[in-house]
């Protein structure tokens, strides 16, 4: 059966996204390296994320997303998520990274392609759950308790920012508290995790701290713990 052109374009776009973005990092170590570079660039800029934001976060997701299309937009990308749990000492401890992919339709008509790097601060357990639950799900940023639209929230105090369920920083500049990722599908990549940690490691092992912090993430932990 021949697909109508209005369906063929999105289908072609998804194939392009899958082969272009998802193939960039062959393993978790590469994803950790990419995430470290993204965070290091932000923290070394004139507008770093305040250390208090990381200290009080419940988790952080760092990813690269390709958006584009002709008439109808699509997006696809990959990244890692790390949860921030209370340790035995009563202080919060960053767990080991877990891999995820993201895909879906972008908001509004679009012509051409663009790559954007995101640092997503997760301030509630529900927000963390959107990235770490096994399998695919739809993530609607508004439903997750953010500001709604792409409302610029620069100038607000750190305390005010911490009240938001999700804070989205992106490399194109500015801090946005809205639904910049729209309704996306988050897919936990167990095969990527197991290729790095071992064949019998599942996401619950990572979340519950049974997976030691990898040496490959030393610099990433340093950035998250000190802000620089």
C-alpha atoms as a PDB file:
ATOM      1  CA  UNK A   1       0.000   0.000   0.000  1.00  0.00           C
ATOM      2  CA  UNK A   2       1.373   3.388  -0.985  1.00  0.00           C
ATOM      3  CA  UNK A   3       1.503   5.930   1.839  1.00  0.00           C
ATOM      4  CA  UNK A   4       0.052   9.399   1.220  1.00  0.00           C
ATOM      5  CA  UNK A   5       2.674  12.145   1.057  1.00  0.00           C
ATOM      6  CA  UNK A   6       1.509  13.752   4.319  1.00  0.00           C
ATOM      7  CA  UNK A   7       2.284  10.463   6.116  1.00  0.00           C
ATOM      8  CA  UNK A   8       5.392   9.650   4.113  1.00  0.00           C
ATOM      9  CA  UNK A   9       7.269  12.769   5.195  1.00  0.00           C
ATOM     10  CA  UNK A  10       6.937  12.121   8.954  1.00  0.00           C
ATOM     11  CA  UNK A  11       7.838   8.465   8.415  1.00  0.00           C
ATOM     12  CA  UNK A  12      10.940   9.452   6.443  1.00  0.00           C
ATOM     13  CA  UNK A  13      11.836  11.946   9.147  1.00  0.00           C
ATOM     14  CA  UNK A  14      11.647   9.325  11.888  1.00  0.00           C
ATOM     15  CA  UNK A  15      13.989   7.036   9.930  1.00  0.00           C
ATOM     16  CA  UNK A  16      16.392   9.951   9.519  1.00  0.00           C
ATOM     17  CA  UNK A  17      16.259  10.734  13.227  1.00  0.00           C
ATOM     18  CA  UNK A  18      16.803   7.119  14.203  1.00  0.00           C
ATOM     19  CA  UNK A  19      19.853   6.670  11.973  1.00  0.00           C
ATOM     20  CA  UNK A  20      21.367  10.101  12.656  1.00  0.00           C
ATOM     21  CA  UNK A  21      20.841  10.677  16.371  1.00  0.00           C
ATOM     22  CA  UNK A  22      20.490   7.291  18.011  1.00  0.00           C
ATOM     23  CA  UNK A  23      23.671   5.988  16.365  1.00  0.00           C
ATOM     24  CA  UNK A  24      25.862   8.774  17.724  1.00  0.00           C
ATOM     25  CA  UNK A  25      26.724   7.085  21.031  1.00  0.00           C
ATOM     26  CA  UNK A  26      27.486   3.372  20.779  1.00  0.00           C
ATOM     27  CA  UNK A  27      27.604   2.790  24.534  1.00  0.00           C
ATOM     28  CA  UNK A  28      26.929   4.320  27.930  1.00  0.00           C
ATOM     29  CA  UNK A  29      30.489   5.553  28.351  1.00  0.00           C
ATOM     30  CA  UNK A  30      30.096   7.727  25.251  1.00  0.00           C
ATOM     31  CA  UNK A  31      26.797   9.067  26.588  1.00  0.00           C
ATOM     32  CA  UNK A  32      28.449   9.911  29.913  1.00  0.00           C
ATOM     33  CA  UNK A  33      31.230  11.710  28.070  1.00  0.00           C
ATOM     34  CA  UNK A  34      28.745  13.677  25.955  1.00  0.00           C
ATOM     35  CA  UNK A  35      26.698  14.614  29.041  1.00  0.00           C
ATOM     36  CA  UNK A  36      29.846  15.743  30.840  1.00  0.00           C
ATOM     37  CA  UNK A  37      30.792  17.954  27.905  1.00  0.00           C
ATOM     38  CA  UNK A  38      27.315  19.510  27.833  1.00  0.00           C
ATOM     39  CA  UNK A  39      27.320  20.253  31.564  1.00  0.00           C
ATOM     40  CA  UNK A  40      30.923  21.437  31.571  1.00  0.00           C
ATOM     41  CA  UNK A  41      30.174  23.895  28.784  1.00  0.00           C
ATOM     42  CA  UNK A  42      27.155  25.278  30.657  1.00  0.00           C
ATOM     43  CA  UNK A  43      28.977  25.574  33.974  1.00  0.00           C
ATOM     44  CA  UNK A  44      31.921  27.272  32.317  1.00  0.00           C
ATOM     45  CA  UNK A  45      29.692  29.835  30.625  1.00  0.00           C
ATOM     46  CA  UNK A  46      28.684  33.289  31.830  1.00  0.00           C
ATOM     47  CA  UNK A  47      25.355  31.809  32.974  1.00  0.00           C
ATOM     48  CA  UNK A  48      26.059  28.608  34.951  1.00  0.00           C
ATOM     49  CA  UNK A  49      23.342  26.681  36.757  1.00  0.00           C
ATOM     50  CA  UNK A  50      23.459  27.577  40.487  1.00  0.00           C
ATOM     51  CA  UNK A  51      24.958  24.844  42.656  1.00  0.00           C
ATOM     52  CA  UNK A  52      21.897  24.974  44.939  1.00  0.00           C
ATOM     53  CA  UNK A  53      19.747  23.809  42.021  1.00  0.00           C
ATOM     54  CA  UNK A  54      21.771  20.603  41.741  1.00  0.00           C
ATOM     55  CA  UNK A  55      22.033  20.153  45.515  1.00  0.00           C
ATOM     56  CA  UNK A  56      18.264  20.145  45.985  1.00  0.00           C
ATOM     57  CA  UNK A  57      17.290  18.324  42.788  1.00  0.00           C
ATOM     58  CA  UNK A  58      15.786  14.836  42.785  1.00  0.00           C
ATOM     59  CA  UNK A  59      17.488  14.035  39.491  1.00  0.00           C
ATOM     60  CA  UNK A  60      18.962  15.386  36.279  1.00  0.00           C
ATOM     61  CA  UNK A  61      18.605  14.315  32.650  1.00  0.00           C
ATOM     62  CA  UNK A  62      21.141  15.471  30.061  1.00  0.00           C
ATOM     63  CA  UNK A  63      20.477  14.825  26.392  1.00  0.00           C
ATOM     64  CA  UNK A  64      20.984  15.922  22.791  1.00  0.00           C
ATOM     65  CA  UNK A  65      17.865  16.204  20.638  1.00  0.00           C
ATOM     66  CA  UNK A  66      17.521  16.674  16.885  1.00  0.00           C
ATOM     67  CA  UNK A  67      14.367  18.485  15.809  1.00  0.00           C
ATOM     68  CA  UNK A  68      13.218  19.075  12.269  1.00  0.00           C
ATOM     69  CA  UNK A  69      10.784  18.464   9.488  1.00  0.00           C
ATOM     70  CA  UNK A  70       9.064  19.840   6.441  1.00  0.00           C
ATOM     71  CA  UNK A  71       5.599  21.024   7.409  1.00  0.00           C
ATOM     72  CA  UNK A  72       5.334  18.498  10.258  1.00  0.00           C
ATOM     73  CA  UNK A  73       8.010  18.465  12.969  1.00  0.00           C
ATOM     74  CA  UNK A  74       9.639  15.502  14.650  1.00  0.00           C
ATOM     75  CA  UNK A  75      12.342  15.006  17.241  1.00  0.00           C
ATOM     76  CA  UNK A  76      14.660  12.275  18.397  1.00  0.00           C
ATOM     77  CA  UNK A  77      17.622  12.056  20.700  1.00  0.00           C
ATOM     78  CA  UNK A  78      19.481  10.298  23.458  1.00  0.00           C
ATOM     79  CA  UNK A  79      20.962  10.967  26.863  1.00  0.00           C
ATOM     80  CA  UNK A  80      21.425   9.846  30.435  1.00  0.00           C
ATOM     81  CA  UNK A  81      19.474  10.381  33.635  1.00  0.00           C
ATOM     82  CA  UNK A  82      20.834  10.335  37.183  1.00  0.00           C
ATOM     83  CA  UNK A  83      18.764  10.278  40.364  1.00  0.00           C
ATOM     84  CA  UNK A  84      19.691  12.049  43.593  1.00  0.00           C
ATOM     85  CA  UNK A  85      18.774   9.980  46.656  1.00  0.00           C
ATOM     86  CA  UNK A  86      19.347  10.441  50.362  1.00  0.00           C
ATOM     87  CA  UNK A  87      22.355   8.420  51.481  1.00  0.00           C
ATOM     88  CA  UNK A  88      22.960   6.787  54.858  1.00  0.00           C
ATOM     89  CA  UNK A  89      24.623   9.977  56.098  1.00  0.00           C
ATOM     90  CA  UNK A  90      21.458  11.978  55.375  1.00  0.00           C
ATOM     91  CA  UNK A  91      23.078  13.804  52.465  1.00  0.00           C
ATOM     92  CA  UNK A  92      21.891  13.348  48.901  1.00  0.00           C
ATOM     93  CA  UNK A  93      24.018  11.078  46.707  1.00  0.00           C
ATOM     94  CA  UNK A  94      24.017  10.897  42.898  1.00  0.00           C
ATOM     95  CA  UNK A  95      23.350   7.388  41.644  1.00  0.00           C
ATOM     96  CA  UNK A  96      24.956   5.850  38.554  1.00  0.00           C
ATOM     97  CA  UNK A  97      23.782   7.101  35.127  1.00  0.00           C
ATOM     98  CA  UNK A  98      21.061   5.311  33.165  1.00  0.00           C
ATOM     99  CA  UNK A  99      20.554   5.607  29.395  1.00  0.00           C
ATOM    100  CA  UNK A 100      17.359   6.746  27.664  1.00  0.00           C
ATOM    101  CA  UNK A 101      16.201   7.727  24.187  1.00  0.00           C
ATOM    102  CA  UNK A 102      13.559  10.319  23.385  1.00  0.00           C
ATOM    103  CA  UNK A 103      11.322  10.693  20.327  1.00  0.00           C
ATOM    104  CA  UNK A 104       8.089  12.295  19.246  1.00  0.00           C
ATOM    105  CA  UNK A 105       6.484  15.133  17.336  1.00  0.00           C
ATOM    106  CA  UNK A 106       7.769  18.651  17.865  1.00  0.00           C
ATOM    107  CA  UNK A 107       5.389  21.528  18.481  1.00  0.00           C
ATOM    108  CA  UNK A 108       4.397  23.549  15.418  1.00  0.00           C
ATOM    109  CA  UNK A 109       5.386  23.410  11.751  1.00  0.00           C
ATOM    110  CA  UNK A 110       9.095  23.407  11.047  1.00  0.00           C
ATOM    111  CA  UNK A 111      11.414  23.671   8.071  1.00  0.00           C
ATOM    112  CA  UNK A 112      14.933  22.274   8.366  1.00  0.00           C
ATOM    113  CA  UNK A 113      16.775  20.624  11.242  1.00  0.00           C
ATOM    114  CA  UNK A 114      18.408  21.767  14.458  1.00  0.00           C
ATOM    115  CA  UNK A 115      20.322  20.049  17.242  1.00  0.00           C
ATOM    116  CA  UNK A 116      19.846  21.233  20.826  1.00  0.00           C
ATOM    117  CA  UNK A 117      21.523  20.111  24.028  1.00  0.00           C
ATOM    118  CA  UNK A 118      19.356  19.990  27.146  1.00  0.00           C
ATOM    119  CA  UNK A 119      20.027  19.858  30.873  1.00  0.00           C
ATOM    120  CA  UNK A 120      16.749  18.968  32.594  1.00  0.00           C
ATOM    121  CA  UNK A 121      16.566  19.435  36.356  1.00  0.00           C
ATOM    122  CA  UNK A 122      13.998  17.103  37.963  1.00  0.00           C
ATOM    123  CA  UNK A 123      12.702  18.506  41.247  1.00  0.00           C
ATOM    124  CA  UNK A 124       9.982  15.971  42.119  1.00  0.00           C
ATOM    125  CA  UNK A 125       9.749  12.194  42.287  1.00  0.00           C
ATOM    126  CA  UNK A 126       7.044  12.314  39.622  1.00  0.00           C
ATOM    127  CA  UNK A 127       9.351  14.201  37.270  1.00  0.00           C
ATOM    128  CA  UNK A 128      12.103  11.641  37.869  1.00  0.00           C
ATOM    129  CA  UNK A 129       9.620   8.863  37.193  1.00  0.00           C
ATOM    130  CA  UNK A 130       9.009  10.134  33.670  1.00  0.00           C
ATOM    131  CA  UNK A 131      12.629   9.328  32.805  1.00  0.00           C
ATOM    132  CA  UNK A 132      13.410   6.201  34.814  1.00  0.00           C
ATOM    133  CA  UNK A 133      10.296   4.050  34.515  1.00  0.00           C
ATOM    134  CA  UNK A 134      10.981   0.995  32.403  1.00  0.00           C
ATOM    135  CA  UNK A 135       9.566   1.077  28.875  1.00  0.00           C
ATOM    136  CA  UNK A 136       8.006   3.877  26.879  1.00  0.00           C
ATOM    137  CA  UNK A 137       5.689   6.614  28.068  1.00  0.00           C
ATOM    138  CA  UNK A 138       4.381   9.966  26.963  1.00  0.00           C
ATOM    139  CA  UNK A 139       5.892  12.908  28.762  1.00  0.00           C
ATOM    140  CA  UNK A 140       3.774  16.028  28.757  1.00  0.00           C
ATOM    141  CA  UNK A 141       5.790  18.733  30.498  1.00  0.00           C
ATOM    142  CA  UNK A 142       2.661  20.641  31.475  1.00  0.00           C
ATOM    143  CA  UNK A 143       1.204  17.564  33.154  1.00  0.00           C
ATOM    144  CA  UNK A 144       4.506  17.087  34.973  1.00  0.00           C
ATOM    145  CA  UNK A 145       3.871  20.371  36.737  1.00  0.00           C
ATOM    146  CA  UNK A 146       6.020  22.867  34.859  1.00  0.00           C
ATOM    147  CA  UNK A 147       5.086  26.386  33.858  1.00  0.00           C
ATOM    148  CA  UNK A 148       3.193  25.366  30.728  1.00  0.00           C
ATOM    149  CA  UNK A 149       4.321  27.294  27.687  1.00  0.00           C
ATOM    150  CA  UNK A 150       7.887  28.315  26.808  1.00  0.00           C
ATOM    151  CA  UNK A 151       7.797  30.964  29.487  1.00  0.00           C
ATOM    152  CA  UNK A 152      11.182  32.472  30.212  1.00  0.00           C
ATOM    153  CA  UNK A 153      11.783  32.309  33.949  1.00  0.00           C
ATOM    154  CA  UNK A 154      15.144  34.055  34.043  1.00  0.00           C
ATOM    155  CA  UNK A 155      15.429  36.519  36.883  1.00  0.00           C
ATOM    156  CA  UNK A 156      13.543  34.371  39.367  1.00  0.00           C
ATOM    157  CA  UNK A 157      15.272  33.456  42.607  1.00  0.00           C
ATOM    158  CA  UNK A 158      16.845  30.048  43.124  1.00  0.00           C
ATOM    159  CA  UNK A 159      14.146  29.276  45.695  1.00  0.00           C
ATOM    160  CA  UNK A 160      11.404  30.084  43.188  1.00  0.00           C
ATOM    161  CA  UNK A 161      13.063  27.901  40.563  1.00  0.00           C
ATOM    162  CA  UNK A 162      13.279  24.970  42.968  1.00  0.00           C
ATOM    163  CA  UNK A 163       9.483  25.033  43.320  1.00  0.00           C
ATOM    164  CA  UNK A 164       9.096  24.002  39.669  1.00  0.00           C
ATOM    165  CA  UNK A 165       8.855  20.295  38.945  1.00  0.00           C
ATOM    166  CA  UNK A 166      11.071  20.598  35.870  1.00  0.00           C
ATOM    167  CA  UNK A 167      13.670  23.178  34.878  1.00  0.00           C
ATOM    168  CA  UNK A 168      14.945  23.041  31.311  1.00  0.00           C
ATOM    169  CA  UNK A 169      18.268  24.592  30.315  1.00  0.00           C
ATOM    170  CA  UNK A 170      19.307  24.470  26.697  1.00  0.00           C
ATOM    171  CA  UNK A 171      22.435  25.443  24.841  1.00  0.00           C
ATOM    172  CA  UNK A 172      20.638  27.972  22.676  1.00  0.00           C
ATOM    173  CA  UNK A 173      20.475  30.186  25.745  1.00  0.00           C
ATOM    174  CA  UNK A 174      18.080  30.936  28.555  1.00  0.00           C
ATOM    175  CA  UNK A 175      16.247  28.892  31.123  1.00  0.00           C
ATOM    176  CA  UNK A 176      12.776  27.701  30.160  1.00  0.00           C
ATOM    177  CA  UNK A 177      10.229  26.228  32.555  1.00  0.00           C
ATOM    178  CA  UNK A 178       7.732  25.185  29.933  1.00  0.00           C
ATOM    179  CA  UNK A 179       6.827  22.326  27.645  1.00  0.00           C
ATOM    180  CA  UNK A 180       9.744  22.756  25.267  1.00  0.00           C
ATOM    181  CA  UNK A 181       9.896  18.995  24.693  1.00  0.00           C
ATOM    182  CA  UNK A 182       6.155  18.639  24.216  1.00  0.00           C
ATOM    183  CA  UNK A 183       4.639  15.160  24.491  1.00  0.00           C
ATOM    184  CA  UNK A 184       7.638  12.905  23.955  1.00  0.00           C
ATOM    185  CA  UNK A 185       8.180   9.190  24.266  1.00  0.00           C
ATOM    186  CA  UNK A 186      10.906   8.235  26.743  1.00  0.00           C
ATOM    187  CA  UNK A 187      12.485   4.821  26.232  1.00  0.00           C
ATOM    188  CA  UNK A 188      14.809   3.417  28.908  1.00  0.00           C
ATOM    189  CA  UNK A 189      17.708   1.706  27.106  1.00  0.00           C
ATOM    190  CA  UNK A 190      18.309  -1.412  29.166  1.00  0.00           C
ATOM    191  CA  UNK A 191      20.608  -2.902  26.542  1.00  0.00           C
ATOM    192  CA  UNK A 192      22.885   0.151  26.738  1.00  0.00           C
ATOM    193  CA  UNK A 193      22.938  -0.059  30.541  1.00  0.00           C
ATOM    194  CA  UNK A 194      23.645  -3.785  30.558  1.00  0.00           C
ATOM    195  CA  UNK A 195      26.384  -3.440  27.966  1.00  0.00           C
ATOM    196  CA  UNK A 196      28.209  -1.161  30.437  1.00  0.00           C
ATOM    197  CA  UNK A 197      27.250  -2.455  33.897  1.00  0.00           C
ATOM    198  CA  UNK A 198      26.715  -6.143  33.153  1.00  0.00           C
ATOM    199  CA  UNK A 199      24.031  -8.450  31.692  1.00  0.00           C
ATOM    200  CA  UNK A 200      22.074  -8.856  34.922  1.00  0.00           C
ATOM    201  CA  UNK A 201      21.824  -5.161  35.853  1.00  0.00           C
ATOM    202  CA  UNK A 202      18.384  -3.594  35.594  1.00  0.00           C
ATOM    203  CA  UNK A 203      17.260  -0.051  36.105  1.00  0.00           C
ATOM    204  CA  UNK A 204      15.985  -0.803  39.624  1.00  0.00           C
ATOM    205  CA  UNK A 205      19.556  -1.818  40.545  1.00  0.00           C
ATOM    206  CA  UNK A 206      20.820   1.547  39.306  1.00  0.00           C
ATOM    207  CA  UNK A 207      18.100   3.533  41.069  1.00  0.00           C
ATOM    208  CA  UNK A 208      18.554   1.714  44.380  1.00  0.00           C
ATOM    209  CA  UNK A 209      22.309   2.266  44.431  1.00  0.00           C
ATOM    210  CA  UNK A 210      23.399  -1.330  43.877  1.00  0.00           C
ATOM    211  CA  UNK A 211      25.535  -0.209  40.927  1.00  0.00           C
ATOM    212  CA  UNK A 212      28.834   1.460  41.916  1.00  0.00           C
ATOM    213  CA  UNK A 213      29.510   4.945  40.579  1.00  0.00           C
ATOM    214  CA  UNK A 214      31.491   4.440  37.341  1.00  0.00           C
ATOM    215  CA  UNK A 215      34.921   6.056  37.042  1.00  0.00           C
ATOM    216  CA  UNK A 216      33.879   7.350  33.623  1.00  0.00           C
ATOM    217  CA  UNK A 217      31.464   9.710  35.411  1.00  0.00           C
ATOM    218  CA  UNK A 218      33.967  11.179  37.900  1.00  0.00           C
ATOM    219  CA  UNK A 219      33.999  14.593  36.232  1.00  0.00           C
ATOM    220  CA  UNK A 220      30.219  14.553  35.865  1.00  0.00           C
ATOM    221  CA  UNK A 221      29.793  13.895  39.605  1.00  0.00           C
ATOM    222  CA  UNK A 222      32.220  16.704  40.347  1.00  0.00           C
ATOM    223  CA  UNK A 223      30.167  19.143  38.268  1.00  0.00           C
ATOM    224  CA  UNK A 224      26.914  18.053  39.907  1.00  0.00           C
ATOM    225  CA  UNK A 225      28.344  18.225  43.441  1.00  0.00           C
ATOM    226  CA  UNK A 226      30.246  21.495  43.153  1.00  0.00           C
ATOM    227  CA  UNK A 227      28.606  23.279  40.239  1.00  0.00           C
ATOM    228  CA  UNK A 228      31.996  23.753  38.547  1.00  0.00           C
END
